[in-house]
Amino acid sequence: MEDLRFTFNDLVIFFGILNTLLGVLFGLFPLVVGLKNANKKYAVIGFVGSVVGGFLLSIFLSFPIALVFTILSLRKTTSLVSEADPSLSV
């Protein structure tokens, strides 16, 4: 049986794909929560940021980005009308 040999380029590609998949996995959390709470802006930014962060620094960047944007997606949004005139708030 022949030994497996990997070059440095093979390992870089393998771990790049693996880290990107981890970023997609973590990015699904803010995406689902944001779309469920009708907060598309934070959902998309959290997903894309987590995927890019996963590619660049693996779990060390993709998890914090996903966590921050999930928390931002869970916050209640205030309308500009209620801030401008408190008597119009519901």
N, C-alpha and C. Protein backbone atom coordinates (compact mmCIF):
# COMPACT_ATOMS: atom_id res chain seq x y z
N MET A 1 0.84 -1.17 0.00
CA MET A 1 0.00 0.00 0.00
C MET A 1 0.89 1.24 0.00
N GLU A 2 0.53 2.19 -0.81
CA GLU A 2 1.34 3.39 -0.97
C GLU A 2 0.92 4.46 0.05
N ASP A 3 1.89 5.18 0.58
CA ASP A 3 1.60 6.24 1.54
C ASP A 3 0.97 7.43 0.85
N LEU A 4 0.08 8.09 1.55
CA LEU A 4 -0.52 9.32 1.03
C LEU A 4 0.43 10.48 1.28
N ARG A 5 0.60 11.29 0.28
CA ARG A 5 1.45 12.46 0.41
C ARG A 5 0.66 13.68 -0.04
N PHE A 6 0.66 14.65 0.82
CA PHE A 6 -0.02 15.90 0.52
C PHE A 6 1.01 17.02 0.40
N THR A 7 0.83 17.84 -0.59
CA THR A 7 1.68 19.01 -0.71
C THR A 7 1.09 20.14 0.12
N PHE A 8 1.86 21.18 0.30
CA PHE A 8 1.39 22.34 1.07
C PHE A 8 0.18 22.97 0.40
N ASN A 9 0.18 23.03 -0.91
CA ASN A 9 -0.96 23.61 -1.64
C ASN A 9 -2.22 22.77 -1.45
N ASP A 10 -2.09 21.47 -1.40
CA ASP A 10 -3.26 20.61 -1.15
C ASP A 10 -3.85 20.89 0.23
N LEU A 11 -2.99 21.05 1.22
CA LEU A 11 -3.46 21.33 2.58
C LEU A 11 -4.12 22.70 2.68
N VAL A 12 -3.56 23.68 2.01
CA VAL A 12 -4.15 25.03 2.04
C VAL A 12 -5.55 24.99 1.42
N ILE A 13 -5.69 24.32 0.31
CA ILE A 13 -7.01 24.23 -0.34
C ILE A 13 -7.98 23.45 0.54
N PHE A 14 -7.54 22.35 1.12
CA PHE A 14 -8.41 21.54 1.97
C PHE A 14 -8.90 22.34 3.17
N PHE A 15 -7.98 23.00 3.88
CA PHE A 15 -8.39 23.76 5.07
C PHE A 15 -9.15 25.03 4.69
N GLY A 16 -8.89 25.60 3.53
CA GLY A 16 -9.68 26.73 3.08
C GLY A 16 -11.13 26.34 2.85
N ILE A 17 -11.34 25.19 2.23
CA ILE A 17 -12.70 24.71 1.99
C ILE A 17 -13.37 24.33 3.32
N LEU A 18 -12.63 23.67 4.20
CA LEU A 18 -13.18 23.28 5.50
C LEU A 18 -13.58 24.51 6.32
N ASN A 19 -12.72 25.52 6.35
CA ASN A 19 -13.02 26.73 7.12
C ASN A 19 -14.19 27.50 6.52
N THR A 20 -14.30 27.51 5.20
CA THR A 20 -15.43 28.17 4.56
C THR A 20 -16.73 27.45 4.90
N LEU A 21 -16.71 26.13 4.92
CA LEU A 21 -17.91 25.37 5.31
C LEU A 21 -18.29 25.64 6.76
N LEU A 22 -17.31 25.79 7.64
CA LEU A 22 -17.61 26.17 9.02
C LEU A 22 -18.23 27.57 9.07
N GLY A 23 -17.74 28.48 8.24
CA GLY A 23 -18.32 29.81 8.17
C GLY A 23 -19.76 29.78 7.69
N VAL A 24 -20.05 28.92 6.72
CA VAL A 24 -21.43 28.77 6.24
C VAL A 24 -22.31 28.21 7.35
N LEU A 25 -21.80 27.23 8.08
CA LEU A 25 -22.57 26.64 9.17
C LEU A 25 -22.88 27.68 10.24
N PHE A 26 -21.90 28.44 10.67
CA PHE A 26 -22.14 29.47 11.66
C PHE A 26 -22.98 30.62 11.10
N GLY A 27 -22.82 30.92 9.82
CA GLY A 27 -23.57 32.00 9.21
C GLY A 27 -25.04 31.70 9.03
N LEU A 28 -25.41 30.44 9.08
CA LEU A 28 -26.83 30.09 8.97
C LEU A 28 -27.63 30.57 10.18
N PHE A 29 -27.00 30.67 11.34
CA PHE A 29 -27.72 31.12 12.54
C PHE A 29 -28.22 32.55 12.40
N PRO A 30 -27.37 33.55 12.09
CA PRO A 30 -27.94 34.90 11.93
C PRO A 30 -28.86 35.01 10.72
N LEU A 31 -28.62 34.19 9.69
CA LEU A 31 -29.47 34.24 8.50
C LEU A 31 -30.89 33.79 8.85
N VAL A 32 -31.01 32.66 9.52
CA VAL A 32 -32.34 32.14 9.86
C VAL A 32 -33.03 33.05 10.87
N VAL A 33 -32.30 33.48 11.89
CA VAL A 33 -32.91 34.34 12.92
C VAL A 33 -33.31 35.68 12.33
N GLY A 34 -32.46 36.25 11.49
CA GLY A 34 -32.77 37.54 10.89
C GLY A 34 -33.94 37.48 9.93
N LEU A 35 -34.03 36.44 9.14
CA LEU A 35 -35.16 36.31 8.22
C LEU A 35 -36.45 36.01 8.97
N LYS A 36 -36.35 35.27 10.06
CA LYS A 36 -37.53 34.97 10.87
C LYS A 36 -38.06 36.23 11.55
N ASN A 37 -37.17 37.11 11.96
CA ASN A 37 -37.57 38.34 12.64
C ASN A 37 -37.70 39.52 11.68
N ALA A 38 -37.73 39.26 10.39
CA ALA A 38 -37.86 40.30 9.36
C ALA A 38 -36.78 41.36 9.46
N ASN A 39 -35.57 40.93 9.70
CA ASN A 39 -34.43 41.83 9.77
C ASN A 39 -33.40 41.37 8.74
N LYS A 40 -33.72 41.59 7.47
CA LYS A 40 -32.92 41.06 6.37
C LYS A 40 -31.51 41.63 6.32
N LYS A 41 -31.37 42.91 6.69
CA LYS A 41 -30.06 43.55 6.59
C LYS A 41 -29.04 42.83 7.47
N TYR A 42 -29.35 42.63 8.74
CA TYR A 42 -28.43 41.96 9.64
C TYR A 42 -28.28 40.48 9.29
N ALA A 43 -29.32 39.88 8.74
CA ALA A 43 -29.25 38.47 8.36
C ALA A 43 -28.22 38.25 7.25
N VAL A 44 -28.29 39.06 6.22
CA VAL A 44 -27.38 38.90 5.08
C VAL A 44 -25.96 39.31 5.46
N ILE A 45 -25.82 40.41 6.18
CA ILE A 45 -24.48 40.85 6.59
C ILE A 45 -23.83 39.81 7.50
N GLY A 46 -24.60 39.24 8.42
CA GLY A 46 -24.07 38.22 9.31
C GLY A 46 -23.66 36.96 8.58
N PHE A 47 -24.46 36.56 7.60
CA PHE A 47 -24.13 35.36 6.83
C PHE A 47 -22.87 35.57 6.00
N VAL A 48 -22.83 36.65 5.25
CA VAL A 48 -21.67 36.91 4.38
C VAL A 48 -20.41 37.13 5.22
N GLY A 49 -20.55 37.89 6.30
CA GLY A 49 -19.40 38.14 7.17
C GLY A 49 -18.87 36.87 7.81
N SER A 50 -19.77 35.99 8.17
CA SER A 50 -19.35 34.73 8.78
C SER A 50 -18.65 33.82 7.77
N VAL A 51 -19.13 33.80 6.56
CA VAL A 51 -18.49 32.98 5.52
C VAL A 51 -17.09 33.52 5.21
N VAL A 52 -16.98 34.83 5.03
CA VAL A 52 -15.67 35.42 4.75
C VAL A 52 -14.74 35.26 5.95
N GLY A 53 -15.27 35.48 7.14
CA GLY A 53 -14.47 35.29 8.35
C GLY A 53 -14.03 33.85 8.53
N GLY A 54 -14.89 32.92 8.15
CA GLY A 54 -14.52 31.51 8.22
C GLY A 54 -13.40 31.18 7.27
N PHE A 55 -13.42 31.77 6.10
CA PHE A 55 -12.34 31.53 5.14
C PHE A 55 -11.02 32.13 5.64
N LEU A 56 -11.10 33.32 6.22
CA LEU A 56 -9.88 34.00 6.63
C LEU A 56 -9.28 33.46 7.93
N LEU A 57 -10.10 33.34 8.98
CA LEU A 57 -9.56 32.95 10.29
C LEU A 57 -10.35 31.84 10.96
N SER A 58 -11.06 31.07 10.19
CA SER A 58 -11.80 29.91 10.69
C SER A 58 -12.77 30.29 11.79
N ILE A 59 -12.84 29.46 12.81
CA ILE A 59 -13.82 29.63 13.88
C ILE A 59 -13.52 30.88 14.72
N PHE A 60 -12.28 31.35 14.70
CA PHE A 60 -11.90 32.50 15.51
C PHE A 60 -12.56 33.80 15.05
N LEU A 61 -12.98 33.87 13.81
CA LEU A 61 -13.65 35.06 13.32
C LEU A 61 -15.10 34.79 12.93
N SER A 62 -15.40 33.61 12.43
CA SER A 62 -16.77 33.35 11.97
C SER A 62 -17.75 33.22 13.13
N PHE A 63 -17.35 32.62 14.24
CA PHE A 63 -18.26 32.48 15.38
C PHE A 63 -18.60 33.83 16.02
N PRO A 64 -17.62 34.71 16.31
CA PRO A 64 -18.00 36.00 16.88
C PRO A 64 -18.88 36.84 15.95
N ILE A 65 -18.61 36.80 14.65
CA ILE A 65 -19.45 37.55 13.71
C ILE A 65 -20.86 37.00 13.74
N ALA A 66 -21.00 35.70 13.71
CA ALA A 66 -22.34 35.09 13.75
C ALA A 66 -23.06 35.43 15.06
N LEU A 67 -22.34 35.41 16.16
CA LEU A 67 -22.94 35.71 17.46
C LEU A 67 -23.42 37.16 17.52
N VAL A 68 -22.59 38.09 17.09
CA VAL A 68 -22.95 39.51 17.13
C VAL A 68 -24.16 39.79 16.25
N PHE A 69 -24.18 39.27 15.04
CA PHE A 69 -25.29 39.57 14.15
C PHE A 69 -26.55 38.80 14.52
N THR A 70 -26.43 37.67 15.20
CA THR A 70 -27.62 37.00 15.72
C THR A 70 -28.24 37.83 16.83
N ILE A 71 -27.42 38.38 17.71
CA ILE A 71 -27.93 39.24 18.78
C ILE A 71 -28.54 40.50 18.20
N LEU A 72 -27.89 41.09 17.19
CA LEU A 72 -28.46 42.28 16.56
C LEU A 72 -29.79 41.97 15.86
N SER A 73 -29.92 40.78 15.31
CA SER A 73 -31.16 40.39 14.64
C SER A 73 -32.29 40.16 15.64
N LEU A 74 -31.94 39.79 16.85
CA LEU A 74 -32.96 39.53 17.87
C LEU A 74 -33.48 40.81 18.53
N ARG A 75 -32.73 41.89 18.41
CA ARG A 75 -33.18 43.14 19.02
C ARG A 75 -34.44 43.64 18.34
N LYS A 76 -35.25 44.31 19.11
CA LYS A 76 -36.45 44.95 18.56
C LYS A 76 -36.02 46.22 17.84
N THR A 77 -36.55 46.41 16.65
CA THR A 77 -36.24 47.62 15.91
C THR A 77 -37.27 48.68 16.26
N THR A 78 -36.80 49.91 16.39
CA THR A 78 -37.71 51.02 16.66
C THR A 78 -37.96 51.75 15.36
N SER A 79 -39.18 52.15 15.18
CA SER A 79 -39.50 52.86 13.94
C SER A 79 -39.09 54.32 14.06
N LEU A 80 -38.79 54.95 12.95
CA LEU A 80 -38.39 56.35 12.95
C LEU A 80 -39.56 57.25 13.30
N VAL A 81 -40.77 56.83 13.03
CA VAL A 81 -41.94 57.65 13.33
C VAL A 81 -42.10 57.79 14.84
N SER A 82 -41.93 56.71 15.58
CA SER A 82 -42.11 56.78 17.03
C SER A 82 -40.99 57.58 17.69
N GLU A 83 -39.81 57.63 17.08
CA GLU A 83 -38.73 58.45 17.64
C GLU A 83 -38.97 59.92 17.36
N ALA A 84 -39.55 60.23 16.22
CA ALA A 84 -39.79 61.62 15.86
C ALA A 84 -40.92 62.23 16.69
N ASP A 85 -42.01 61.50 16.84
CA ASP A 85 -43.17 62.00 17.57
C ASP A 85 -43.69 60.91 18.48
N PRO A 86 -43.44 61.00 19.78
CA PRO A 86 -43.86 59.93 20.69
C PRO A 86 -45.38 59.71 20.73
N SER A 87 -46.16 60.71 20.35
CA SER A 87 -47.62 60.54 20.39
C SER A 87 -48.11 59.58 19.30
N LEU A 88 -47.27 59.34 18.28
CA LEU A 88 -47.67 58.45 17.19
C LEU A 88 -47.29 56.99 17.46
N SER A 89 -46.58 56.74 18.55
CA SER A 89 -46.16 55.36 18.81
C SER A 89 -47.36 54.49 19.16
N VAL A 90 -47.25 53.23 18.79
CA VAL A 90 -48.36 52.30 18.99
C VAL A 90 -48.22 51.61 20.31
